[in-house]
Amino acid sequence: MPRRKRIDIVLDGLPKLLGGEVYAESPGFVCVQPDDVHQCVVGRGSSVAQAVEN
């Protein structure tokens, strides 16, 4: 798996409550809830906003 670069951003709403983190992943971004690597929630998108929304 390619190394991801964490994006330092303050999330609002549900992503913030769930402890979401945003990473740059070529060619876009991924937003993950990192509590459980095997059963985490993942959102991908071409922008930070789209990844968080997904």
Protein backbone atom coordinates (compact mmCIF):
# COMPACT_ATOMS: atom_id res chain seq x y z
CA MET A 1 0.00 0.00 0.00
CA PRO A 2 1.43 3.43 -0.90
CA ARG A 3 2.29 5.73 1.95
CA ARG A 4 -0.38 8.36 2.62
CA LYS A 5 0.31 11.94 3.70
CA ARG A 6 -2.00 13.15 6.47
CA ILE A 7 -3.74 16.46 5.74
CA ASP A 8 -3.93 18.76 8.76
CA ILE A 9 -7.57 19.91 8.62
CA VAL A 10 -10.28 20.55 11.21
CA LEU A 11 -13.42 18.57 10.38
CA ASP A 12 -16.95 19.51 11.44
CA GLY A 13 -20.06 17.54 12.27
CA LEU A 14 -20.19 13.76 12.12
CA PRO A 15 -16.70 13.26 10.65
CA LYS A 16 -15.29 15.21 13.62
CA LEU A 17 -17.36 13.20 16.13
CA LEU A 18 -16.16 9.94 14.58
CA GLY A 19 -12.52 11.06 14.69
CA GLY A 20 -12.09 11.18 10.92
CA GLU A 21 -8.69 11.87 9.41
CA VAL A 22 -7.95 13.01 5.85
CA TYR A 23 -4.99 11.77 3.80
CA ALA A 24 -3.67 12.62 0.36
CA GLU A 25 -3.69 9.49 -1.79
CA SER A 26 -2.79 9.81 -5.46
CA PRO A 27 -4.76 10.87 -7.42
CA GLY A 28 -7.19 12.14 -4.75
CA PHE A 29 -7.95 12.08 -1.05
CA VAL A 30 -9.25 9.57 1.48
CA CYS A 31 -11.11 10.20 4.74
CA VAL A 32 -10.95 7.39 7.30
CA GLN A 33 -12.21 6.66 10.77
CA PRO A 34 -9.00 5.14 12.12
CA ASP A 35 -10.31 3.44 15.28
CA ASP A 36 -10.40 -0.06 13.76
CA VAL A 37 -8.22 -0.61 10.69
CA HIS A 38 -10.12 -3.77 9.68
CA GLN A 39 -13.63 -2.32 9.97
CA CYS A 40 -13.07 1.41 9.40
CA VAL A 41 -15.28 3.75 7.42
CA VAL A 42 -13.54 5.07 4.30
CA GLY A 43 -14.55 7.88 1.94
CA ARG A 44 -12.63 8.66 -1.25
CA GLY A 45 -12.84 11.66 -3.56
CA SER A 46 -11.00 13.98 -5.90
CA SER A 47 -11.14 16.76 -3.27
CA VAL A 48 -11.00 16.88 0.53
CA ALA A 49 -14.67 17.91 0.70
CA GLN A 50 -15.75 15.06 -1.56
CA ALA A 51 -13.77 12.48 0.44
CA VAL A 52 -15.31 13.69 3.72
CA GLU A 53 -18.80 13.71 2.20
CA ASN A 54 -18.41 10.17 0.85
